[in-house]
PDB file of N, CA and C in Angstrom:
ATOM      1  N   LYS A   1     -12.221 -13.054  -8.254  1.00  0.00           N
ATOM      2  CA  LYS A   1     -11.352 -12.009  -7.748  1.00  0.00           C
ATOM      3  C   LYS A   1     -12.134 -10.960  -6.975  1.00  0.00           C
ATOM      4  N   ALA A   2     -13.396 -10.747  -7.338  1.00  0.00           N
ATOM      5  CA  ALA A   2     -14.201  -9.750  -6.623  1.00  0.00           C
ATOM      6  C   ALA A   2     -14.403 -10.177  -5.179  1.00  0.00           C
ATOM      7  N   ALA A   3     -14.562 -11.489  -4.952  1.00  0.00           N
ATOM      8  CA  ALA A   3     -14.709 -11.975  -3.582  1.00  0.00           C
ATOM      9  C   ALA A   3     -13.444 -11.721  -2.789  1.00  0.00           C
ATOM     10  N   THR A   4     -12.284 -11.891  -3.415  1.00  0.00           N
ATOM     11  CA  THR A   4     -11.014 -11.635  -2.748  1.00  0.00           C
ATOM     12  C   THR A   4     -10.888 -10.162  -2.387  1.00  0.00           C
ATOM     13  N   ALA A   5     -11.235  -9.280  -3.313  1.00  0.00           N
ATOM     14  CA  ALA A   5     -11.158  -7.838  -3.052  1.00  0.00           C
ATOM     15  C   ALA A   5     -12.072  -7.459  -1.903  1.00  0.00           C
ATOM     16  N   ALA A   6     -13.278  -7.992  -1.893  1.00  0.00           N
ATOM     17  CA  ALA A   6     -14.215  -7.690  -0.819  1.00  0.00           C
ATOM     18  C   ALA A   6     -13.706  -8.206   0.515  1.00  0.00           C
ATOM     19  N   ALA A   7     -13.094  -9.399   0.503  1.00  0.00           N
ATOM     20  CA  ALA A   7     -12.571  -9.964   1.744  1.00  0.00           C
ATOM     21  C   ALA A   7     -11.431  -9.122   2.297  1.00  0.00           C
ATOM     22  N   VAL A   8     -10.551  -8.668   1.425  1.00  0.00           N
ATOM     23  CA  VAL A   8      -9.442  -7.826   1.874  1.00  0.00           C
ATOM     24  C   VAL A   8      -9.974  -6.526   2.446  1.00  0.00           C
ATOM     25  N   GLU A   9     -10.908  -5.904   1.739  1.00  0.00           N
ATOM     26  CA  GLU A   9     -11.453  -4.630   2.194  1.00  0.00           C
ATOM     27  C   GLU A   9     -12.170  -4.795   3.528  1.00  0.00           C
ATOM     28  N   ALA A  10     -12.972  -5.829   3.659  1.00  0.00           N
ATOM     29  CA  ALA A  10     -13.728  -6.041   4.887  1.00  0.00           C
ATOM     30  C   ALA A  10     -12.827  -6.442   6.045  1.00  0.00           C
ATOM     31  N   ALA A  11     -11.782  -7.191   5.754  1.00  0.00           N
ATOM     32  CA  ALA A  11     -10.946  -7.737   6.816  1.00  0.00           C
ATOM     33  C   ALA A  11      -9.971  -6.744   7.417  1.00  0.00           C
ATOM     34  N   ALA A  12      -9.380  -5.869   6.595  1.00  0.00           N
ATOM     35  CA  ALA A  12      -8.230  -5.204   7.171  1.00  0.00           C
ATOM     36  C   ALA A  12      -7.946  -3.773   6.758  1.00  0.00           C
ATOM     37  N   VAL A  13      -8.788  -3.107   6.045  1.00  0.00           N
ATOM     38  CA  VAL A  13      -8.466  -1.741   5.655  1.00  0.00           C
ATOM     39  C   VAL A  13      -9.102  -0.787   6.652  1.00  0.00           C
ATOM     40  N   ALA A  14      -8.259  -0.032   7.357  1.00  0.00           N
ATOM     41  CA  ALA A  14      -8.747   0.934   8.337  1.00  0.00           C
ATOM     42  C   ALA A  14      -7.819   2.134   8.322  1.00  0.00           C
ATOM     43  N   ASP A  15      -8.391   3.326   8.409  1.00  0.00           N
ATOM     44  CA  ASP A  15      -7.585   4.535   8.481  1.00  0.00           C
ATOM     45  C   ASP A  15      -7.594   5.055   9.906  1.00  0.00           C
ATOM     46  N   VAL A  16      -6.427   5.396  10.411  1.00  0.00           N
ATOM     47  CA  VAL A  16      -6.291   5.956  11.746  1.00  0.00           C
ATOM     48  C   VAL A  16      -5.497   7.237  11.608  1.00  0.00           C
ATOM     49  N   GLY A  17      -6.107   8.385  11.940  1.00  0.00           N
ATOM     50  CA  GLY A  17      -5.399   9.652  11.840  1.00  0.00           C
ATOM     51  C   GLY A  17      -4.685   9.963  13.133  1.00  0.00           C
ATOM     52  N   MET A  18      -3.504  10.541  13.022  1.00  0.00           N
ATOM     53  CA  MET A  18      -2.781  10.960  14.209  1.00  0.00           C
ATOM     54  C   MET A  18      -1.818  12.063  13.815  1.00  0.00           C
ATOM     55  N   SER A  19      -1.571  12.973  14.712  1.00  0.00           N
ATOM     56  CA  SER A  19      -0.608  14.034  14.438  1.00  0.00           C
ATOM     57  C   SER A  19       0.749  13.621  14.951  1.00  0.00           C
ATOM     58  N   VAL A  20       1.746  13.838  14.129  1.00  0.00           N
ATOM     59  CA  VAL A  20       3.116  13.572  14.546  1.00  0.00           C
ATOM     60  C   VAL A  20       3.972  14.736  14.102  1.00  0.00           C
ATOM     61  N   SER A  21       5.009  15.017  14.864  1.00  0.00           N
ATOM     62  CA  SER A  21       5.945  16.056  14.479  1.00  0.00           C
ATOM     63  C   SER A  21       6.944  15.455  13.514  1.00  0.00           C
ATOM     64  N   VAL A  22       7.068  16.061  12.341  1.00  0.00           N
ATOM     65  CA  VAL A  22       8.014  15.549  11.363  1.00  0.00           C
ATOM     66  C   VAL A  22       9.262  16.414  11.299  1.00  0.00           C
ATOM     67  N   SER A  23       9.380  17.340  12.265  1.00  0.00           N
ATOM     68  CA  SER A  23      10.507  18.251  12.286  1.00  0.00           C
ATOM     69  C   SER A  23      10.772  18.678  13.711  1.00  0.00           C
ATOM     70  N   GLU A  24      11.991  19.067  14.002  1.00  0.00           N
ATOM     71  CA  GLU A  24      12.326  19.627  15.311  1.00  0.00           C
ATOM     72  C   GLU A  24      11.601  20.952  15.514  1.00  0.00           C
ATOM     73  N   ASP A  25      11.286  21.640  14.424  1.00  0.00           N
ATOM     74  CA  ASP A  25      10.606  22.928  14.463  1.00  0.00           C
ATOM     75  C   ASP A  25       9.136  22.702  14.799  1.00  0.00           C
ATOM     76  N   GLU A  26       8.709  23.127  15.987  1.00  0.00           N
ATOM     77  CA  GLU A  26       7.342  22.871  16.428  1.00  0.00           C
ATOM     78  C   GLU A  26       6.301  23.659  15.649  1.00  0.00           C
ATOM     79  N   GLU A  27       6.715  24.659  14.882  1.00  0.00           N
ATOM     80  CA  GLU A  27       5.761  25.416  14.075  1.00  0.00           C
ATOM     81  C   GLU A  27       5.290  24.612  12.871  1.00  0.00           C
ATOM     82  N   TRP A  28       6.039  23.592  12.497  1.00  0.00           N
ATOM     83  CA  TRP A  28       5.706  22.826  11.303  1.00  0.00           C
ATOM     84  C   TRP A  28       5.384  21.398  11.684  1.00  0.00           C
ATOM     85  N   GLN A  29       4.112  21.036  11.581  1.00  0.00           N
ATOM     86  CA  GLN A  29       3.677  19.673  11.854  1.00  0.00           C
ATOM     87  C   GLN A  29       2.773  19.216  10.725  1.00  0.00           C
ATOM     88  N   GLU A  30       2.706  17.951  10.543  1.00  0.00           N
ATOM     89  CA  GLU A  30       1.880  17.392   9.483  1.00  0.00           C
ATOM     90  C   GLU A  30       1.074  16.230  10.046  1.00  0.00           C
ATOM     91  N   THR A  31      -0.163  16.096   9.605  1.00  0.00           N
ATOM     92  CA  THR A  31      -0.978  14.967  10.012  1.00  0.00           C
ATOM     93  C   THR A  31      -0.642  13.779   9.121  1.00  0.00           C
ATOM     94  N   VAL A  32      -0.366  12.646   9.743  1.00  0.00           N
ATOM     95  CA  VAL A  32      -0.035  11.423   9.021  1.00  0.00           C
ATOM     96  C   VAL A  32      -1.157  10.430   9.252  1.00  0.00           C
ATOM     97  N   THR A  33      -1.610   9.784   8.183  1.00  0.00           N
ATOM     98  CA  THR A  33      -2.644   8.772   8.291  1.00  0.00           C
ATOM     99  C   THR A  33      -2.009   7.406   8.091  1.00  0.00           C
ATOM    100  N   GLU A  34      -2.263   6.511   9.034  1.00  0.00           N
ATOM    101  CA  GLU A  34      -1.790   5.138   8.896  1.00  0.00           C
ATOM    102  C   GLU A  34      -2.892   4.317   8.254  1.00  0.00           C
ATOM    103  N   ARG A  35      -2.503   3.380   7.431  1.00  0.00           N
ATOM    104  CA  ARG A  35      -3.474   2.496   6.781  1.00  0.00           C
ATOM    105  C   ARG A  35      -3.053   1.066   7.081  1.00  0.00           C
ATOM    106  N   PHE A  36      -3.936   0.321   7.707  1.00  0.00           N
ATOM    107  CA  PHE A  36      -3.665  -1.081   8.021  1.00  0.00           C
ATOM    108  C   PHE A  36      -4.341  -1.926   6.955  1.00  0.00           C
ATOM    109  N   GLN A  37      -3.568  -2.823   6.348  1.00  0.00           N
ATOM    110  CA  GLN A  37      -4.083  -3.605   5.232  1.00  0.00           C
ATOM    111  C   GLN A  37      -3.532  -5.019   5.307  1.00  0.00           C
ATOM    112  N   ALA A  38      -4.413  -5.982   5.137  1.00  0.00           N
ATOM    113  CA  ALA A  38      -3.952  -7.368   5.018  1.00  0.00           C
ATOM    114  C   ALA A  38      -3.149  -7.481   3.732  1.00  0.00           C
ATOM    115  N   VAL A  39      -2.073  -8.243   3.754  1.00  0.00           N
ATOM    116  CA  VAL A  39      -1.281  -8.433   2.544  1.00  0.00           C
ATOM    117  C   VAL A  39      -1.329  -9.899   2.144  1.00  0.00           C
ATOM    118  N   ARG A  40      -1.436 -10.128   0.848  1.00  0.00           N
ATOM    119  CA  ARG A  40      -1.482 -11.508   0.357  1.00  0.00           C
ATOM    120  C   ARG A  40      -0.385 -11.702  -0.670  1.00  0.00           C
ATOM    121  N   ALA A  41       0.013 -12.932  -0.864  1.00  0.00           N
ATOM    122  CA  ALA A  41       1.029 -13.266  -1.858  1.00  0.00           C
ATOM    123  C   ALA A  41       0.393 -13.259  -3.244  1.00  0.00           C
ATOM    124  N   CYS A  42       0.973 -12.479  -4.147  1.00  0.00           N
ATOM    125  CA  CYS A  42       0.477 -12.417  -5.524  1.00  0.00           C
ATOM    126  C   CYS A  42       1.528 -11.760  -6.408  1.00  0.00           C
ATOM    127  N   THR A  43       1.235 -11.655  -7.687  1.00  0.00           N
ATOM    128  CA  THR A  43       2.121 -10.963  -8.617  1.00  0.00           C
ATOM    129  C   THR A  43       1.812  -9.468  -8.576  1.00  0.00           C
ATOM    130  N   ALA A  44       2.707  -8.667  -9.130  1.00  0.00           N
ATOM    131  CA  ALA A  44       2.470  -7.224  -9.195  1.00  0.00           C
ATOM    132  C   ALA A  44       1.233  -6.926 -10.046  1.00  0.00           C
ATOM    133  N   GLY A  45       1.029  -7.687 -11.099  1.00  0.00           N
ATOM    134  CA  GLY A  45      -0.156  -7.504 -11.942  1.00  0.00           C
ATOM    135  C   GLY A  45      -1.442  -7.768 -11.192  1.00  0.00           C
ATOM    136  N   ASP A  46      -1.463  -8.862 -10.407  1.00  0.00           N
ATOM    137  CA  ASP A  46      -2.649  -9.163  -9.596  1.00  0.00           C
ATOM    138  C   ASP A  46      -2.880  -8.082  -8.554  1.00  0.00           C
ATOM    139  N   ALA A  47      -1.789  -7.573  -7.970  1.00  0.00           N
ATOM    140  CA  ALA A  47      -1.906  -6.512  -6.965  1.00  0.00           C
ATOM    141  C   ALA A  47      -2.470  -5.241  -7.592  1.00  0.00           C
ATOM    142  N   ALA A  48      -2.026  -4.905  -8.805  1.00  0.00           N
ATOM    143  CA  ALA A  48      -2.533  -3.724  -9.500  1.00  0.00           C
ATOM    144  C   ALA A  48      -4.022  -3.876  -9.788  1.00  0.00           C
ATOM    145  N   GLU A  49      -4.438  -5.065 -10.186  1.00  0.00           N
ATOM    146  CA  GLU A  49      -5.854  -5.328 -10.444  1.00  0.00           C
ATOM    147  C   GLU A  49      -6.676  -5.186  -9.165  1.00  0.00           C
ATOM    148  N   GLU A  50      -6.167  -5.729  -8.072  1.00  0.00           N
ATOM    149  CA  GLU A  50      -6.837  -5.626  -6.775  1.00  0.00           C
ATOM    150  C   GLU A  50      -6.943  -4.160  -6.342  1.00  0.00           C
ATOM    151  N   MET A  51      -5.865  -3.400  -6.527  1.00  0.00           N
ATOM    152  CA  MET A  51      -5.842  -1.981  -6.188  1.00  0.00           C
ATOM    153  C   MET A  51      -6.933  -1.236  -6.959  1.00  0.00           C
ATOM    154  N   GLU A  52      -7.054  -1.513  -8.254  1.00  0.00           N
ATOM    155  CA  GLU A  52      -8.073  -0.861  -9.084  1.00  0.00           C
ATOM    156  C   GLU A  52      -9.478  -1.232  -8.618  1.00  0.00           C
ATOM    157  N   GLN A  53      -9.692  -2.514  -8.299  1.00  0.00           N
ATOM    158  CA  GLN A  53     -11.010  -2.962  -7.839  1.00  0.00           C
ATOM    159  C   GLN A  53     -11.414  -2.269  -6.541  1.00  0.00           C
ATOM    160  N   LEU A  54     -10.429  -1.998  -5.680  1.00  0.00           N
ATOM    161  CA  LEU A  54     -10.702  -1.326  -4.410  1.00  0.00           C
ATOM    162  C   LEU A  54     -10.802   0.191  -4.563  1.00  0.00           C
ATOM    163  N   GLY A  55     -10.397   0.710  -5.716  1.00  0.00           N
ATOM    164  CA  GLY A  55     -10.430   2.151  -5.948  1.00  0.00           C
ATOM    165  C   GLY A  55      -9.312   2.897  -5.245  1.00  0.00           C
ATOM    166  N   ASN A  56      -8.193   2.222  -4.992  1.00  0.00           N
ATOM    167  CA  ASN A  56      -7.050   2.832  -4.305  1.00  0.00           C
ATOM    168  C   ASN A  56      -6.000   3.289  -5.298  1.00  0.00           C
ATOM    169  N   THR A  57      -5.041   4.077  -4.826  1.00  0.00           N
ATOM    170  CA  THR A  57      -3.928   4.502  -5.668  1.00  0.00           C
ATOM    171  C   THR A  57      -2.636   3.769  -5.307  1.00  0.00           C
ATOM    172  N   PHE A  58      -2.676   2.951  -4.261  1.00  0.00           N
ATOM    173  CA  PHE A  58      -1.534   2.104  -3.896  1.00  0.00           C
ATOM    174  C   PHE A  58      -2.065   0.855  -3.222  1.00  0.00           C
ATOM    175  N   TYR A  59      -1.233  -0.203  -3.175  1.00  0.00           N
ATOM    176  CA  TYR A  59      -1.666  -1.468  -2.599  1.00  0.00           C
ATOM    177  C   TYR A  59      -0.434  -2.269  -2.187  1.00  0.00           C
ATOM    178  N   ALA A  60      -0.362  -2.657  -0.919  1.00  0.00           N
ATOM    179  CA  ALA A  60       0.743  -3.475  -0.406  1.00  0.00           C
ATOM    180  C   ALA A  60       0.431  -4.952  -0.642  1.00  0.00           C
ATOM    181  N   PHE A  61       1.467  -5.715  -0.995  1.00  0.00           N
ATOM    182  CA  PHE A  61       1.283  -7.144  -1.258  1.00  0.00           C
ATOM    183  C   PHE A  61       2.601  -7.881  -1.041  1.00  0.00           C
ATOM    184  N   LYS A  62       2.532  -9.192  -0.872  1.00  0.00           N
ATOM    185  CA  LYS A  62       3.725 -10.026  -0.773  1.00  0.00           C
ATOM    186  C   LYS A  62       4.061 -10.476  -2.190  1.00  0.00           C
ATOM    187  N   ASN A  63       5.121  -9.916  -2.731  1.00  0.00           N
ATOM    188  CA  ASN A  63       5.485 -10.122  -4.132  1.00  0.00           C
ATOM    189  C   ASN A  63       6.115 -11.497  -4.335  1.00  0.00           C
ATOM    190  N   ILE A  64       5.406 -12.386  -5.012  1.00  0.00           N
ATOM    191  CA  ILE A  64       5.941 -13.736  -5.211  1.00  0.00           C
ATOM    192  C   ILE A  64       7.189 -13.722  -6.097  1.00  0.00           C
ATOM    193  N   ALA A  65       7.358 -12.669  -6.921  1.00  0.00           N
ATOM    194  CA  ALA A  65       8.563 -12.545  -7.740  1.00  0.00           C
ATOM    195  C   ALA A  65       9.770 -12.108  -6.906  1.00  0.00           C
ATOM    196  N   GLN A  66       9.520 -11.630  -5.678  1.00  0.00           N
ATOM    197  CA  GLN A  66      10.595 -11.194  -4.781  1.00  0.00           C
ATOM    198  C   GLN A  66      10.629 -12.060  -3.520  1.00  0.00           C
ATOM    199  N   ASN A  67      10.318 -13.339  -3.661  1.00  0.00           N
ATOM    200  CA  ASN A  67      10.334 -14.301  -2.549  1.00  0.00           C
ATOM    201  C   ASN A  67       9.460 -13.883  -1.379  1.00  0.00           C
ATOM    202  N   GLY A  68       8.308 -13.280  -1.669  1.00  0.00           N
ATOM    203  CA  GLY A  68       7.364 -12.917  -0.611  1.00  0.00           C
ATOM    204  C   GLY A  68       7.661 -11.604   0.082  1.00  0.00           C
ATOM    205  N   GLU A  69       8.600 -10.827  -0.436  1.00  0.00           N
ATOM    206  CA  GLU A  69       8.923  -9.509   0.128  1.00  0.00           C
ATOM    207  C   GLU A  69       7.697  -8.606   0.015  1.00  0.00           C
ATOM    208  N   VAL A  70       7.399  -7.857   1.076  1.00  0.00           N
ATOM    209  CA  VAL A  70       6.280  -6.931   1.027  1.00  0.00           C
ATOM    210  C   VAL A  70       6.661  -5.756   0.136  1.00  0.00           C
ATOM    211  N   CYS A  71       5.885  -5.533  -0.906  1.00  0.00           N
ATOM    212  CA  CYS A  71       6.105  -4.457  -1.874  1.00  0.00           C
ATOM    213  C   CYS A  71       4.836  -3.622  -1.966  1.00  0.00           C
ATOM    214  N   VAL A  72       4.914  -2.514  -2.665  1.00  0.00           N
ATOM    215  CA  VAL A  72       3.749  -1.649  -2.857  1.00  0.00           C
ATOM    216  C   VAL A  72       3.627  -1.341  -4.344  1.00  0.00           C
ATOM    217  N   VAL A  73       2.462  -1.638  -4.920  1.00  0.00           N
ATOM    218  CA  VAL A  73       2.167  -1.219  -6.280  1.00  0.00           C
ATOM    219  C   VAL A  73       1.414   0.101  -6.175  1.00  0.00           C
ATOM    220  N   TYR A  74       1.662   1.013  -7.104  1.00  0.00           N
ATOM    221  CA  TYR A  74       0.999   2.317  -7.057  1.00  0.00           C
ATOM    222  C   TYR A  74       0.655   2.785  -8.460  1.00  0.00           C
ATOM    223  N   LYS A  75      -0.348   3.672  -8.523  1.00  0.00           N
ATOM    224  CA  LYS A  75      -0.776   4.264  -9.784  1.00  0.00           C
ATOM    225  C   LYS A  75       0.078   5.491 -10.056  1.00  0.00           C
ATOM    226  N   ARG A  76       0.755   5.540 -11.207  1.00  0.00           N
ATOM    227  CA  ARG A  76       1.593   6.678 -11.572  1.00  0.00           C
ATOM    228  C   ARG A  76       0.746   7.780 -12.190  1.00  0.00           C
ATOM    229  N   SER A  77       1.259   8.990 -12.180  1.00  0.00           N
ATOM    230  CA  SER A  77       0.506  10.128 -12.716  1.00  0.00           C
ATOM    231  C   SER A  77       0.277  10.016 -14.224  1.00  0.00           C
ATOM    232  N   ASP A  78       1.100   9.217 -14.925  1.00  0.00           N
ATOM    233  CA  ASP A  78       0.909   9.049 -16.364  1.00  0.00           C
ATOM    234  C   ASP A  78      -0.077   7.927 -16.689  1.00  0.00           C
ATOM    235  N   GLY A  79      -0.701   7.343 -15.635  1.00  0.00           N
ATOM    236  CA  GLY A  79      -1.690   6.289 -15.831  1.00  0.00           C
ATOM    237  C   GLY A  79      -1.118   4.888 -15.736  1.00  0.00           C
ATOM    238  N   GLY A  80       0.208   4.770 -15.710  1.00  0.00           N
ATOM    239  CA  GLY A  80       0.841   3.462 -15.579  1.00  0.00           C
ATOM    240  C   GLY A  80       0.918   3.039 -14.119  1.00  0.00           C
ATOM    241  N   TYR A  81       1.678   1.985 -13.886  1.00  0.00           N
ATOM    242  CA  TYR A  81       1.843   1.446 -12.544  1.00  0.00           C
ATOM    243  C   TYR A  81       3.324   1.371 -12.208  1.00  0.00           C
ATOM    244  N   GLY A  82       3.624   1.445 -10.922  1.00  0.00           N
ATOM    245  CA  GLY A  82       4.976   1.262 -10.426  1.00  0.00           C
ATOM    246  C   GLY A  82       4.943   0.319  -9.248  1.00  0.00           C
ATOM    247  N   VAL A  83       6.089  -0.253  -8.913  1.00  0.00           N
ATOM    248  CA  VAL A  83       6.199  -1.141  -7.755  1.00  0.00           C
ATOM    249  C   VAL A  83       7.387  -0.677  -6.914  1.00  0.00           C
ATOM    250  N   VAL A  84       7.142  -0.461  -5.632  1.00  0.00           N
ATOM    251  CA  VAL A  84       8.211  -0.143  -4.687  1.00  0.00           C
ATOM    252  C   VAL A  84       8.692  -1.464  -4.103  1.00  0.00           C
ATOM    253  N   VAL A  85       9.982  -1.747  -4.300  1.00  0.00           N
ATOM    254  CA  VAL A  85      10.602  -2.954  -3.765  1.00  0.00           C
ATOM    255  C   VAL A  85      11.621  -2.509  -2.711  1.00  0.00           C
ATOM    256  N   PRO A  86      11.416  -2.863  -1.441  1.00  0.00           N
ATOM    257  CA  PRO A  86      12.357  -2.422  -0.404  1.00  0.00           C
ATOM    258  C   PRO A  86      13.743  -3.037  -0.588  1.00  0.00           C
ATOM    259  N   VAL A  87      14.751  -2.227  -0.287  1.00  0.00           N
ATOM    260  CA  VAL A  87      16.140  -2.676  -0.363  1.00  0.00           C
ATOM    261  C   VAL A  87      16.807  -2.271   0.945  1.00  0.00           C
ATOM    262  N   ASP A  88      17.472  -3.220   1.606  1.00  0.00           N
ATOM    263  CA  ASP A  88      18.180  -2.904   2.844  1.00  0.00           C
ATOM    264  C   ASP A  88      19.354  -1.997   2.528  1.00  0.00           C
ATOM    265  N   MET A  89      19.517  -0.979   3.361  1.00  0.00           N
ATOM    266  CA  MET A  89      20.622  -0.023   3.177  1.00  0.00           C
ATOM    267  C   MET A  89      21.763  -0.291   4.147  1.00  0.00           C
ATOM    268  N   ASP A  90      21.662  -1.342   4.934  1.00  0.00           N
ATOM    269  CA  ASP A  90      22.705  -1.665   5.913  1.00  0.00           C
ATOM    270  C   ASP A  90      23.902  -2.304   5.278  1.00  0.00           C
TER     271      ASP A  90
END
């Protein structure tokens, strides 16, 4: 698994900073950082393990329990883990 973590980190993790306006009010702007990451098919548990190995607080992955839907596992403030599963609102 360490080889997989290293491959993911070396292959596709990059931070790109850019300023964007998040409001019509020009006095209030926030800097948003984009993170590009390769995603692999795995379970939420495997994704959480990979996230910990990389030292991150979130990790995008193709959730095999959700038919390959791209999900995000994250570290909760209570020390547990959560998974964001996208749902279409249309």
